[in-house]
Amino acid sequence: MNRFCHMGVTQGGYGADMEQFKRFAVYYAPPEGDFADATARWLGWDLAKGRAVPGGQPLGLPRAREDLTRGASVYGFHGTLKAPFRLAPGVTELDLAQGCAALAKEISPVVMPGLRLSNLGGFLALTPLGDETELLDLGAEVVTRLDLFRADLTPQEIARRRPERLTPRQRMLLDQWGYPHVLDEFRFHLTLTDSVPAPDRAAVAEVLEREVLTQMPRPFVIADLCLCAEDQEGHFHLRSRHALGG
């Protein structure tokens, strides 16, 4: 049986909670432990528990932690496998959870040597070390095989992706799969900050080394698919975990 994490919801409680959530997504989220706790404190939001976390103000930051993580915090610490989407007409959360569970049984866990801190155009994030072939394959399976649960994009949703700034390939992926950074454009990462001004990045990275990177797992393992949902205030909640390999 799947383990449902939000507000103690069990399988029978799905229907009653549908009105709480606007969109769903499939993420990597760390299992319970020091790494999950450290990243929740840093971002100020615990994805698994669905609540704010007092993170304090680590020494050495050039500006308030909240100012560095305001956008990232609502998502919680995660790595995107299938970006947030609305459910297709007639599809329920239970349908999507069952689809995740069935898919997960067919895919083996992904094991990478570890993670490193990277600067992604001004955003600080963790990215994987080593050969990413199996990770990219996992992302492609999740994006394509769960797409039947996704509603078509509205014109407003397309406009929010700034299609005029996308490459022709990215625009095609947006139209087909609802997100431009999938398949050959997919780059797995775990966001830790919003865009950080260049003069502040070294200081923020130094604090992250102390506050987060000391808890990073080695090896880094993706052992399940995490079904997450966005509430009406924009915060994401972990709804269920589905073990890879069954």
Protein backbone atom coordinates (compact mmCIF):
# COMPACT_ATOMS: atom_id res chain seq x y z
CA MET A 1 0.00 0.00 0.00
CA ASN A 2 1.23 3.48 -0.77
CA ARG A 3 2.19 5.78 2.09
CA PHE A 4 0.28 9.06 1.90
CA CYS A 5 2.08 11.88 3.59
CA HIS A 6 -0.16 14.95 3.58
CA MET A 7 -2.35 15.38 6.66
CA GLY A 8 -2.42 11.63 7.24
CA VAL A 9 -4.45 11.02 4.10
CA THR A 10 -4.98 7.39 3.12
CA GLN A 11 -6.06 6.07 -0.24
CA GLY A 12 -9.71 6.43 0.69
CA GLY A 13 -9.21 10.14 1.42
CA TYR A 14 -8.17 11.26 -2.04
CA GLY A 15 -11.53 12.48 -3.27
CA ALA A 16 -12.20 14.63 -0.23
CA ASP A 17 -8.99 16.59 -0.71
CA MET A 18 -9.11 17.26 -4.44
CA GLU A 19 -10.33 20.82 -4.00
CA GLN A 20 -7.20 21.63 -1.96
CA PHE A 21 -4.80 21.29 -4.87
CA LYS A 22 -4.35 23.19 -8.12
CA ARG A 23 -1.58 21.19 -9.80
CA PHE A 24 0.37 17.98 -9.39
CA ALA A 25 3.98 17.08 -10.11
CA VAL A 26 6.34 14.12 -9.86
CA TYR A 27 9.55 14.90 -8.00
CA TYR A 28 12.53 13.42 -6.30
CA ALA A 29 12.40 14.32 -2.61
CA PRO A 30 14.88 13.08 -0.04
CA PRO A 31 13.78 10.41 2.44
CA GLU A 32 13.47 11.27 6.11
CA GLY A 33 16.81 12.07 7.67
CA ASP A 34 19.50 14.70 8.11
CA PHE A 35 19.58 15.73 4.43
CA ALA A 36 15.83 16.27 4.29
CA ASP A 37 15.91 18.21 7.56
CA ALA A 38 18.82 20.43 6.48
CA THR A 39 17.26 21.35 3.14
CA ALA A 40 13.85 22.00 4.73
CA ARG A 41 15.45 24.36 7.26
CA TRP A 42 17.33 26.16 4.50
CA LEU A 43 14.28 26.68 2.28
CA GLY A 44 11.88 27.24 5.17
CA TRP A 45 9.33 24.72 3.88
CA ASP A 46 9.07 21.01 4.61
CA LEU A 47 7.66 19.31 1.52
CA ALA A 48 6.99 16.01 3.31
CA LYS A 49 5.24 17.54 6.31
CA GLY A 50 3.54 20.30 4.35
CA ARG A 51 4.46 23.10 6.75
CA ALA A 52 6.79 26.03 7.23
CA VAL A 53 10.06 25.37 9.05
CA PRO A 54 11.84 28.02 11.12
CA GLY A 55 15.28 28.11 9.55
CA GLY A 56 16.86 31.01 11.38
CA GLN A 57 19.54 33.18 9.88
CA PRO A 58 22.80 31.27 9.28
CA LEU A 59 25.95 33.24 9.99
CA GLY A 60 27.75 34.64 6.97
CA LEU A 61 24.81 35.30 4.66
CA PRO A 62 25.02 38.64 2.81
CA ARG A 63 21.23 39.06 3.01
CA ALA A 64 18.27 37.44 4.74
CA ARG A 65 17.84 33.75 4.01
CA GLU A 66 14.19 34.36 3.17
CA ASP A 67 15.20 36.88 0.50
CA LEU A 68 17.49 34.29 -1.09
CA THR A 69 14.91 31.49 -1.13
CA ARG A 70 11.52 33.19 -1.47
CA GLY A 71 10.60 31.66 -4.84
CA ALA A 72 12.24 28.28 -4.25
CA SER A 73 10.71 27.80 -0.81
CA VAL A 74 7.12 27.26 -1.95
CA TYR A 75 8.18 24.15 -3.88
CA GLY A 76 10.21 22.63 -1.07
CA PHE A 77 13.47 20.84 -1.72
CA HIS A 78 13.03 18.63 -4.76
CA GLY A 79 14.29 17.55 -8.14
CA THR A 80 11.72 17.79 -10.93
CA LEU A 81 10.92 14.66 -12.92
CA LYS A 82 7.56 15.84 -14.31
CA ALA A 83 6.87 19.54 -13.91
CA PRO A 84 3.62 20.78 -12.29
CA PHE A 85 0.47 20.24 -14.35
CA ARG A 86 -3.29 20.31 -14.00
CA LEU A 87 -5.12 17.01 -14.11
CA ALA A 88 -6.89 16.13 -17.35
CA PRO A 89 -10.71 16.22 -17.29
CA GLY A 90 -12.09 13.20 -15.49
CA VAL A 91 -8.74 12.28 -13.92
CA THR A 92 -8.45 12.12 -10.13
CA GLU A 93 -5.46 12.21 -7.83
CA LEU A 94 -6.02 8.53 -7.13
CA ASP A 95 -5.77 7.78 -10.85
CA LEU A 96 -2.46 9.63 -10.99
CA ALA A 97 -1.14 7.91 -7.86
CA GLN A 98 -1.99 4.52 -9.30
CA GLY A 99 -0.26 5.49 -12.54
CA CYS A 100 2.86 6.50 -10.60
CA ALA A 101 2.82 3.26 -8.65
CA ALA A 102 2.48 1.12 -11.78
CA LEU A 103 5.27 2.98 -13.57
CA ALA A 104 7.58 2.88 -10.56
CA LYS A 105 7.41 -0.90 -10.43
CA GLU A 106 8.93 -1.07 -13.90
CA ILE A 107 11.92 1.21 -13.22
CA SER A 108 15.03 0.45 -11.18
CA PRO A 109 16.42 2.92 -8.62
CA VAL A 110 19.02 5.35 -9.96
CA VAL A 111 22.34 5.50 -8.12
CA MET A 112 24.81 8.37 -8.65
CA PRO A 113 28.15 8.96 -6.88
CA GLY A 114 26.91 12.14 -5.22
CA LEU A 115 25.92 15.77 -5.71
CA ARG A 116 27.81 19.02 -6.16
CA LEU A 117 26.89 22.67 -5.71
CA SER A 118 26.45 24.39 -9.09
CA ASN A 119 25.71 27.88 -10.36
CA LEU A 120 22.88 27.61 -12.89
CA GLY A 121 22.68 31.06 -14.39
CA GLY A 122 22.76 32.71 -10.99
CA PHE A 123 20.65 30.12 -9.19
CA LEU A 124 22.54 27.85 -6.78
CA ALA A 125 21.51 24.22 -7.01
CA LEU A 126 22.77 20.71 -6.44
CA THR A 127 23.52 18.71 -9.58
CA PRO A 128 24.52 15.04 -9.88
CA LEU A 129 28.02 13.68 -10.25
CA GLY A 130 28.85 10.92 -12.69
CA ASP A 131 27.13 9.36 -15.70
CA GLU A 132 23.55 10.65 -15.94
CA THR A 133 22.31 8.18 -18.56
CA GLU A 134 20.02 6.25 -16.20
CA LEU A 135 18.77 9.48 -14.63
CA LEU A 136 17.90 10.94 -18.04
CA ASP A 137 16.12 7.70 -18.94
CA LEU A 138 14.12 7.91 -15.72
CA GLY A 139 13.08 11.48 -16.50
CA ALA A 140 11.98 10.53 -20.01
CA GLU A 141 9.88 7.61 -18.74
CA VAL A 142 8.12 9.76 -16.15
CA VAL A 143 7.43 12.62 -18.57
CA THR A 144 6.09 10.53 -21.41
CA ARG A 145 4.27 7.70 -19.66
CA LEU A 146 2.41 9.85 -17.17
CA ASP A 147 1.39 12.45 -19.73
CA LEU A 148 -2.06 10.96 -20.25
CA PHE A 149 -2.98 12.34 -16.81
CA ARG A 150 -2.05 15.93 -17.79
CA ALA A 151 -4.51 18.54 -19.02
CA ASP A 152 -3.59 20.45 -22.18
CA LEU A 153 -1.91 23.78 -21.58
CA THR A 154 -4.07 26.86 -21.76
CA PRO A 155 -2.91 29.89 -23.80
CA GLN A 156 -2.15 31.62 -20.50
CA GLU A 157 0.03 28.72 -19.33
CA ILE A 158 1.92 28.73 -22.63
CA ALA A 159 2.46 32.49 -22.37
CA ARG A 160 3.93 32.10 -18.86
CA ARG A 161 6.67 29.93 -20.35
CA ARG A 162 7.79 32.87 -22.51
CA PRO A 163 7.70 30.84 -25.75
CA GLU A 164 9.40 33.67 -27.67
CA ARG A 165 12.54 32.94 -25.64
CA LEU A 166 12.53 29.20 -26.29
CA THR A 167 14.46 27.40 -28.98
CA PRO A 168 12.40 25.69 -31.70
CA ARG A 169 13.11 22.34 -30.02
CA GLN A 170 12.01 23.62 -26.62
CA ARG A 171 8.83 25.07 -28.09
CA MET A 172 8.03 21.70 -29.66
CA LEU A 173 8.60 19.96 -26.31
CA LEU A 174 6.38 22.50 -24.57
CA ASP A 175 3.57 21.83 -27.03
CA GLN A 176 3.93 18.05 -26.85
CA TRP A 177 4.75 17.41 -23.19
CA GLY A 178 3.67 20.59 -21.38
CA TYR A 179 7.20 21.68 -20.41
CA PRO A 180 10.17 22.79 -22.51
CA HIS A 181 13.00 21.25 -20.47
CA VAL A 182 12.34 17.53 -20.93
CA LEU A 183 13.90 14.59 -22.80
CA ASP A 184 17.10 15.84 -24.48
CA GLU A 185 16.60 19.27 -22.82
CA PHE A 186 16.27 17.76 -19.32
CA ARG A 187 18.86 18.77 -16.72
CA PHE A 188 18.20 17.31 -13.28
CA HIS A 189 18.89 19.75 -10.44
CA LEU A 190 17.82 20.48 -6.88
CA THR A 191 17.29 24.21 -6.42
CA LEU A 192 18.55 25.88 -3.25
CA THR A 193 18.17 29.60 -4.03
CA ASP A 194 16.48 32.14 -6.21
CA SER A 195 18.76 34.14 -8.49
CA VAL A 196 21.68 35.40 -6.39
CA PRO A 197 23.55 38.56 -7.45
CA ALA A 198 27.08 37.76 -8.55
CA PRO A 199 28.80 39.63 -5.68
CA ASP A 200 26.87 37.51 -3.14
CA ARG A 201 27.28 34.04 -4.64
CA ALA A 202 30.57 33.07 -3.03
CA ALA A 203 29.31 33.95 0.45
CA VAL A 204 26.01 32.12 -0.06
CA ALA A 205 27.85 29.08 -1.42
CA GLU A 206 30.11 29.05 1.64
CA VAL A 207 27.08 29.00 3.95
CA LEU A 208 25.44 26.25 1.89
CA GLU A 209 28.62 24.17 2.13
CA ARG A 210 28.27 24.30 5.91
CA GLU A 211 24.49 24.14 6.31
CA VAL A 212 23.49 21.70 3.57
CA LEU A 213 26.36 20.03 1.76
CA THR A 214 27.72 18.41 4.92
CA GLN A 215 24.51 16.35 5.01
CA MET A 216 24.51 15.28 1.36
CA PRO A 217 24.15 11.52 0.85
CA ARG A 218 26.87 9.52 -0.87
CA PRO A 219 25.92 7.81 -3.04
CA PHE A 220 22.92 9.84 -4.17
CA VAL A 221 19.99 7.48 -4.78
CA ILE A 222 16.61 8.12 -6.37
CA ALA A 223 14.63 5.26 -4.89
CA ASP A 224 11.04 6.38 -5.49
CA LEU A 225 8.71 8.66 -7.39
CA CYS A 226 7.22 11.38 -5.20
CA LEU A 227 3.75 12.56 -6.14
CA CYS A 228 3.41 16.16 -4.98
CA ALA A 229 0.58 18.68 -5.12
CA GLU A 230 0.30 22.47 -5.06
CA ASP A 231 -2.18 23.95 -2.61
CA GLN A 232 -4.26 27.05 -3.20
CA GLU A 233 -1.54 29.26 -1.66
CA GLY A 234 1.11 27.86 -4.01
CA HIS A 235 2.98 25.60 -1.57
CA PHE A 236 3.78 22.02 -2.54
CA HIS A 237 3.03 18.96 -0.42
CA LEU A 238 4.35 15.42 -0.70
CA ARG A 239 1.30 13.22 -1.20
CA SER A 240 2.77 9.77 -1.77
CA ARG A 241 5.97 7.86 -2.46
CA HIS A 242 6.12 5.01 -4.98
CA ALA A 243 9.14 2.75 -4.69
CA LEU A 244 11.14 2.19 -7.85
CA GLY A 245 11.45 -1.47 -8.66
CA GLY A 246 8.29 -2.16 -6.69
